[in-house]
Amino acid sequence: MWILVLVMILGSPTVESARCRALAVGGGTDLGAYEAGAIIGLIEGLPSGEAQWDIITGVGVGATSALIVSMYPKGQESAAASKLNSFWSAFTYEDFYQDWTGWYVTGLLIKSGLYDSSPYKKTLADLQTGAFQRVLGVGSVDLVSASYVYFQSTQQTTSAMATGIYASTSDYGLFPIVNYNKYQLLGGSILYSADLIHAVQYCTSKGATNSEISIDVVLGAGKTITPVDASKYNSLQSLMRYFQITSYNNVMQVINNAKHDYQGINVRSIIYPSQSVSGALYPYDYTPAQIQQQINLGIQDGKKQAVSVSDI
């Protein structure tokens, strides 16, 4: 009898420790405030303990919110939600970029991106407040080899991770190339709008079986693209529209590939805007009211998905 009780006591933690939860935050759009709201909605709506993600991956603008969550240990998701809310509520495009001297002439003819993204370095330094409290992975693309370059906090220095996040956020055409060692990097959403594969690989490396892995996916674009009158679009608006159209199809292919290669994983939520979101004339240049609309919609969509989630 005592042997049976002892086995049960010693054995039960092992079962729980095999569980691995992941959050994949997508790129390919400039709706970072919406994605932050969706994460907040998941944190507030998921069953107790189910938002204690072991690994967070971020691509493009999603790398910023992924970084914020990674600064908080498991059990402090409410604090992470508060930080997400405060950062994005006060967000302006100047947190990410500024115009070059010479404006678009410089960006088009001299630099490798339309805008100077150096202000994001300060934003990044302010957000990366200390050691990573849970695993963070971010993706970029090397223009030389056309390969996906992945940075993970358990394998890279703090400085290298800062470079990886900076590169992941460097949207093609908008921001300049980031030089790192032999690489010439731009945002990972060129290849993958969200990174599920590396999240799964991390979980399996920690001993989780496929059936013990659950993934929440947060996107800035959904399967239904709202019709627009593009007759008066400028080149930047056309570029952002292109990103929006391609982002969802890209990530659905990634999700299908992950399910095929790792049969049995639980992609338990895929969150994207359920309603039309007001666009900006220039990338990330949203009014405070538009930012708040994004956050509120994200929270609503995140909570709605969270209601249907249960333990594996």
Protein backbone atom coordinates (compact mmCIF):
# COMPACT_ATOMS: atom_id res chain seq x y z
CA MET A 1 0.00 0.00 0.00
CA TRP A 2 2.71 2.49 1.03
CA ILE A 3 4.73 1.62 -2.06
CA LEU A 4 1.73 2.41 -4.26
CA VAL A 5 1.19 5.78 -2.55
CA LEU A 6 4.88 6.61 -2.88
CA VAL A 7 4.86 5.78 -6.59
CA MET A 8 1.81 8.00 -7.10
CA ILE A 9 3.40 10.92 -5.25
CA LEU A 10 6.70 10.66 -7.05
CA GLY A 11 5.15 9.92 -10.40
CA SER A 12 2.59 12.71 -10.65
CA PRO A 13 5.04 15.64 -11.08
CA THR A 14 6.71 13.83 -13.97
CA VAL A 15 3.44 13.71 -15.89
CA GLU A 16 2.88 17.46 -15.46
CA SER A 17 6.47 18.39 -16.32
CA ALA A 18 6.10 16.75 -19.74
CA ARG A 19 3.45 19.27 -20.75
CA CYS A 20 4.84 22.01 -22.99
CA ARG A 21 2.93 25.14 -23.90
CA ALA A 22 3.99 27.50 -26.68
CA LEU A 23 2.87 30.87 -27.97
CA ALA A 24 3.66 31.83 -31.58
CA VAL A 25 3.19 35.53 -32.38
CA GLY A 26 3.12 36.34 -36.08
CA GLY A 27 4.45 39.06 -38.33
CA GLY A 28 3.75 40.33 -41.81
CA THR A 29 1.52 43.21 -40.66
CA ASP A 30 1.88 46.33 -38.51
CA LEU A 31 -0.93 45.35 -36.12
CA GLY A 32 1.27 44.86 -33.08
CA ALA A 33 -1.30 46.42 -30.77
CA TYR A 34 -3.94 43.95 -31.91
CA GLU A 35 -1.60 41.01 -31.32
CA ALA A 36 -0.77 42.33 -27.84
CA GLY A 37 -4.49 42.55 -27.08
CA ALA A 38 -4.98 38.97 -28.25
CA ILE A 39 -2.24 37.78 -25.89
CA ILE A 40 -3.88 39.71 -23.05
CA GLY A 41 -7.19 38.06 -23.93
CA LEU A 42 -5.59 34.62 -23.76
CA ILE A 43 -3.97 35.40 -20.41
CA GLU A 44 -7.27 36.61 -18.97
CA GLY A 45 -9.43 33.91 -20.52
CA LEU A 46 -7.47 30.65 -20.49
CA PRO A 47 -7.96 28.09 -17.70
CA SER A 48 -5.64 28.52 -14.74
CA GLY A 49 -2.04 27.73 -15.68
CA GLU A 50 -2.71 27.37 -19.40
CA ALA A 51 -1.09 30.73 -20.26
CA GLN A 52 2.15 29.64 -18.61
CA TRP A 53 3.92 29.27 -21.93
CA ASP A 54 7.30 27.56 -21.86
CA ILE A 55 8.46 29.13 -25.12
CA ILE A 56 7.32 32.17 -27.06
CA THR A 57 8.30 32.64 -30.69
CA GLY A 58 7.94 35.94 -32.51
CA VAL A 59 8.30 37.00 -36.12
CA GLY A 60 8.17 40.57 -37.43
CA VAL A 61 6.17 42.89 -35.21
CA GLY A 62 5.26 39.81 -33.16
CA ALA A 63 8.84 39.66 -31.88
CA THR A 64 8.22 42.79 -29.79
CA SER A 65 5.29 41.39 -27.83
CA ALA A 66 7.05 38.02 -27.59
CA LEU A 67 10.01 39.79 -25.98
CA ILE A 68 7.75 41.51 -23.46
CA VAL A 69 6.18 38.22 -22.35
CA SER A 70 9.59 36.53 -22.12
CA MET A 71 10.70 39.06 -19.50
CA TYR A 72 8.19 37.61 -17.00
CA PRO A 73 8.47 34.15 -15.39
CA LYS A 74 5.68 31.62 -15.46
CA GLY A 75 3.03 32.61 -12.95
CA GLN A 76 3.42 36.34 -13.66
CA GLU A 77 1.27 36.44 -16.79
CA SER A 78 -0.92 39.21 -15.35
CA ALA A 79 2.13 41.44 -15.01
CA ALA A 80 3.12 40.61 -18.59
CA ALA A 81 -0.40 41.54 -19.73
CA SER A 82 -0.15 44.88 -17.94
CA LYS A 83 3.16 45.63 -19.62
CA LEU A 84 1.79 44.68 -23.04
CA ASN A 85 -1.14 47.02 -22.47
CA SER A 86 0.94 49.96 -21.23
CA PHE A 87 3.55 49.68 -23.98
CA TRP A 88 1.15 49.42 -26.89
CA SER A 89 -1.33 51.96 -25.49
CA ALA A 90 1.43 54.57 -25.56
CA PHE A 91 2.92 53.36 -28.85
CA THR A 92 3.74 55.71 -31.72
CA TYR A 93 5.53 54.95 -34.97
CA GLU A 94 8.53 56.86 -33.60
CA ASP A 95 9.16 53.93 -31.25
CA PHE A 96 10.05 51.96 -34.37
CA TYR A 97 11.43 54.35 -36.97
CA GLN A 98 12.12 57.86 -38.21
CA ASP A 99 12.63 59.45 -41.61
CA TRP A 100 16.07 59.52 -43.14
CA THR A 101 17.72 62.84 -43.81
CA GLY A 102 16.68 63.33 -47.41
CA TRP A 103 13.41 61.47 -46.84
CA TYR A 104 12.36 58.87 -49.41
CA VAL A 105 15.10 59.79 -51.86
CA THR A 106 17.64 58.56 -49.32
CA GLY A 107 15.59 55.48 -48.47
CA LEU A 108 15.04 54.49 -52.08
CA LEU A 109 18.40 55.30 -53.64
CA ILE A 110 20.99 55.13 -50.86
CA LYS A 111 19.72 53.02 -47.96
CA SER A 112 18.28 49.49 -47.98
CA GLY A 113 14.97 50.55 -46.42
CA LEU A 114 12.58 53.46 -46.75
CA TYR A 115 12.88 54.36 -43.07
CA ASP A 116 15.60 54.60 -40.46
CA SER A 117 14.75 51.96 -37.84
CA SER A 118 17.46 53.01 -35.36
CA PRO A 119 14.86 54.33 -32.84
CA TYR A 120 13.77 50.73 -32.33
CA LYS A 121 17.15 49.98 -30.78
CA LYS A 122 16.29 52.24 -27.83
CA THR A 123 12.81 50.76 -27.61
CA LEU A 124 14.34 47.30 -27.59
CA ALA A 125 16.83 48.25 -24.87
CA ASP A 126 14.01 49.62 -22.72
CA LEU A 127 11.98 46.41 -23.11
CA GLN A 128 14.83 43.93 -22.66
CA THR A 129 15.11 44.71 -18.96
CA GLY A 130 17.11 41.70 -17.79
CA ALA A 131 17.55 37.98 -18.19
CA PHE A 132 14.96 36.04 -20.15
CA GLN A 133 12.50 34.43 -17.75
CA ARG A 134 11.21 31.95 -20.32
CA VAL A 135 12.50 30.83 -23.68
CA LEU A 136 12.22 33.34 -26.52
CA GLY A 137 12.76 32.49 -30.19
CA VAL A 138 12.73 34.99 -33.06
CA GLY A 139 13.23 34.51 -36.78
CA SER A 140 14.82 36.48 -39.59
CA VAL A 141 15.84 35.79 -43.18
CA ASP A 142 19.35 35.95 -44.62
CA LEU A 143 19.27 37.64 -48.02
CA VAL A 144 22.56 36.01 -49.03
CA SER A 145 21.53 32.37 -48.61
CA ALA A 146 17.73 32.89 -48.61
CA SER A 147 17.64 30.84 -45.40
CA TYR A 148 15.71 31.29 -42.17
CA VAL A 149 17.99 32.41 -39.32
CA TYR A 150 16.65 31.56 -35.87
CA PHE A 151 17.75 33.12 -32.58
CA GLN A 152 16.84 31.40 -29.29
CA SER A 153 17.52 32.84 -25.86
CA THR A 154 18.92 29.57 -24.50
CA GLN A 155 21.51 29.45 -27.28
CA GLN A 156 22.47 33.09 -27.81
CA THR A 157 23.96 35.92 -25.79
CA THR A 158 21.75 38.80 -24.70
CA SER A 159 23.44 41.00 -27.30
CA ALA A 160 22.85 38.47 -30.08
CA MET A 161 19.20 38.17 -29.09
CA ALA A 162 18.81 41.94 -29.32
CA THR A 163 20.21 41.78 -32.85
CA GLY A 164 17.88 38.90 -33.70
CA ILE A 165 14.80 40.78 -32.49
CA TYR A 166 15.93 43.91 -34.34
CA ALA A 167 16.40 41.90 -37.53
CA SER A 168 13.11 40.05 -37.14
CA THR A 169 11.28 43.37 -36.94
CA SER A 170 13.01 44.75 -40.05
CA ASP A 171 10.12 44.48 -42.48
CA TYR A 172 11.12 44.02 -46.10
CA GLY A 173 11.18 47.30 -48.02
CA LEU A 174 10.42 49.43 -44.97
CA PHE A 175 13.49 49.02 -42.77
CA PRO A 176 17.17 48.53 -43.63
CA ILE A 177 19.12 45.29 -43.74
CA VAL A 178 20.71 44.21 -40.44
CA ASN A 179 24.27 42.95 -40.80
CA TYR A 180 25.20 40.18 -38.37
CA ASN A 181 28.34 38.09 -38.80
CA LYS A 182 28.13 36.68 -42.34
CA TYR A 183 24.40 37.37 -42.58
CA GLN A 184 22.40 40.18 -44.15
CA LEU A 185 19.09 39.95 -42.34
CA LEU A 186 15.53 41.13 -42.78
CA GLY A 187 12.28 40.13 -41.09
CA GLY A 188 11.45 36.45 -40.81
CA SER A 189 7.95 36.93 -42.22
CA ILE A 190 9.49 36.86 -45.70
CA LEU A 191 9.49 33.07 -45.25
CA TYR A 192 7.26 32.37 -42.23
CA SER A 193 4.51 34.57 -40.81
CA ALA A 194 4.72 32.62 -37.55
CA ASP A 195 7.22 30.10 -36.21
CA LEU A 196 5.60 26.95 -34.90
CA ILE A 197 8.33 24.52 -35.92
CA HIS A 198 11.01 25.83 -33.56
CA ALA A 199 8.48 25.95 -30.73
CA VAL A 200 7.65 22.28 -31.28
CA GLN A 201 11.32 21.35 -31.59
CA TYR A 202 12.09 23.05 -28.28
CA CYS A 203 9.26 21.18 -26.56
CA THR A 204 10.35 17.80 -27.93
CA SER A 205 13.93 18.53 -26.84
CA LYS A 206 12.59 18.86 -23.29
CA GLY A 207 10.95 15.45 -23.43
CA ALA A 208 7.40 16.33 -24.43
CA THR A 209 5.66 14.02 -26.86
CA ASN A 210 3.67 15.56 -29.70
CA SER A 211 0.38 14.99 -27.86
CA GLU A 212 1.74 16.90 -24.86
CA ILE A 213 2.45 20.06 -26.88
CA SER A 214 -0.11 22.84 -27.18
CA ILE A 215 0.37 25.99 -29.25
CA ASP A 216 -1.52 29.27 -29.31
CA VAL A 217 -1.05 31.28 -32.52
CA VAL A 218 -1.64 35.04 -32.70
CA LEU A 219 -1.78 36.77 -36.09
CA GLY A 220 -2.33 40.27 -37.40
CA ALA A 221 -4.25 39.11 -40.49
CA GLY A 222 -7.07 36.61 -40.90
CA LYS A 223 -8.65 34.39 -43.49
CA THR A 224 -11.18 37.07 -44.48
CA ILE A 225 -9.50 40.08 -46.06
CA THR A 226 -11.77 43.12 -45.94
CA PRO A 227 -12.39 44.59 -49.42
CA VAL A 228 -10.92 48.06 -49.90
CA ASP A 229 -10.87 50.75 -52.55
CA ALA A 230 -7.18 50.80 -53.43
CA SER A 231 -7.53 53.29 -56.29
CA LYS A 232 -5.98 56.06 -54.19
CA TYR A 233 -3.40 53.97 -52.35
CA ASN A 234 0.16 55.23 -52.27
CA SER A 235 3.06 52.82 -52.66
CA LEU A 236 3.38 52.25 -48.90
CA GLN A 237 -0.30 51.45 -48.49
CA SER A 238 -0.06 49.03 -51.39
CA LEU A 239 2.96 47.36 -49.76
CA MET A 240 1.16 46.98 -46.43
CA ARG A 241 -1.88 45.58 -48.25
CA TYR A 242 0.38 43.01 -49.91
CA PHE A 243 1.76 41.99 -46.50
CA GLN A 244 -1.77 41.60 -45.17
CA ILE A 245 -2.93 39.43 -48.06
CA THR A 246 0.07 37.10 -47.99
CA SER A 247 0.46 36.84 -44.21
CA TYR A 248 -2.53 34.62 -43.44
CA ASN A 249 -2.01 32.19 -46.33
CA ASN A 250 1.64 31.92 -45.34
CA VAL A 251 0.95 31.08 -41.72
CA MET A 252 -1.79 28.58 -42.55
CA GLN A 253 0.73 26.70 -44.66
CA VAL A 254 3.15 26.79 -41.72
CA ILE A 255 0.46 25.45 -39.39
CA ASN A 256 -0.48 22.67 -41.79
CA ASN A 257 3.18 21.74 -42.23
CA ALA A 258 3.68 21.62 -38.46
CA LYS A 259 0.63 19.40 -37.99
CA HIS A 260 1.86 17.10 -40.76
CA ASP A 261 5.45 16.85 -39.53
CA TYR A 262 4.52 16.59 -35.84
CA GLN A 263 1.26 14.68 -35.86
CA GLY A 264 -0.68 14.95 -32.64
CA ILE A 265 0.35 18.47 -31.61
CA ASN A 266 -2.51 20.62 -30.37
CA VAL A 267 -2.76 23.95 -32.19
CA ARG A 268 -5.47 24.94 -29.78
CA SER A 269 -6.09 28.54 -30.88
CA ILE A 270 -5.49 30.64 -34.00
CA ILE A 271 -6.39 34.25 -33.29
CA TYR A 272 -6.69 36.98 -35.92
CA PRO A 273 -8.87 40.11 -36.30
CA SER A 274 -12.55 39.18 -36.36
CA GLN A 275 -13.48 42.66 -37.58
CA SER A 276 -12.04 45.23 -39.94
CA VAL A 277 -9.19 47.25 -38.42
CA SER A 278 -8.61 50.83 -39.50
CA GLY A 279 -5.50 51.19 -41.63
CA ALA A 280 -2.79 53.83 -41.35
CA LEU A 281 -1.53 56.14 -44.08
CA TYR A 282 2.05 55.20 -43.16
CA PRO A 283 3.36 52.02 -41.46
CA TYR A 284 2.58 51.87 -37.73
CA ASP A 285 1.32 55.48 -37.80
CA TYR A 286 -1.91 54.86 -35.91
CA THR A 287 -3.79 57.38 -33.79
CA PRO A 288 -4.24 56.63 -30.06
CA ALA A 289 -7.89 55.81 -30.78
CA GLN A 290 -6.91 53.32 -33.50
CA ILE A 291 -4.35 51.72 -31.20
CA GLN A 292 -6.97 51.31 -28.49
CA GLN A 293 -9.39 49.83 -31.01
CA GLN A 294 -6.77 47.24 -31.94
CA ILE A 295 -6.06 46.34 -28.31
CA ASN A 296 -9.74 46.05 -27.42
CA LEU A 297 -10.50 43.88 -30.45
CA GLY A 298 -7.50 41.69 -29.69
CA ILE A 299 -8.63 41.17 -26.10
CA GLN A 300 -12.12 40.30 -27.31
CA ASP A 301 -10.85 37.81 -29.90
CA GLY A 302 -8.33 36.29 -27.50
CA LYS A 303 -10.92 35.72 -24.79
CA LYS A 304 -13.35 34.22 -27.28
CA GLN A 305 -10.76 31.65 -28.37
CA ALA A 306 -9.70 31.00 -24.78
CA VAL A 307 -13.20 29.94 -23.78
CA SER A 308 -12.99 26.88 -26.04
CA VAL A 309 -9.57 25.82 -24.76
CA SER A 310 -9.21 23.09 -22.17
CA ASP A 311 -6.34 21.06 -20.79
CA ILE A 312 -4.90 18.34 -23.04
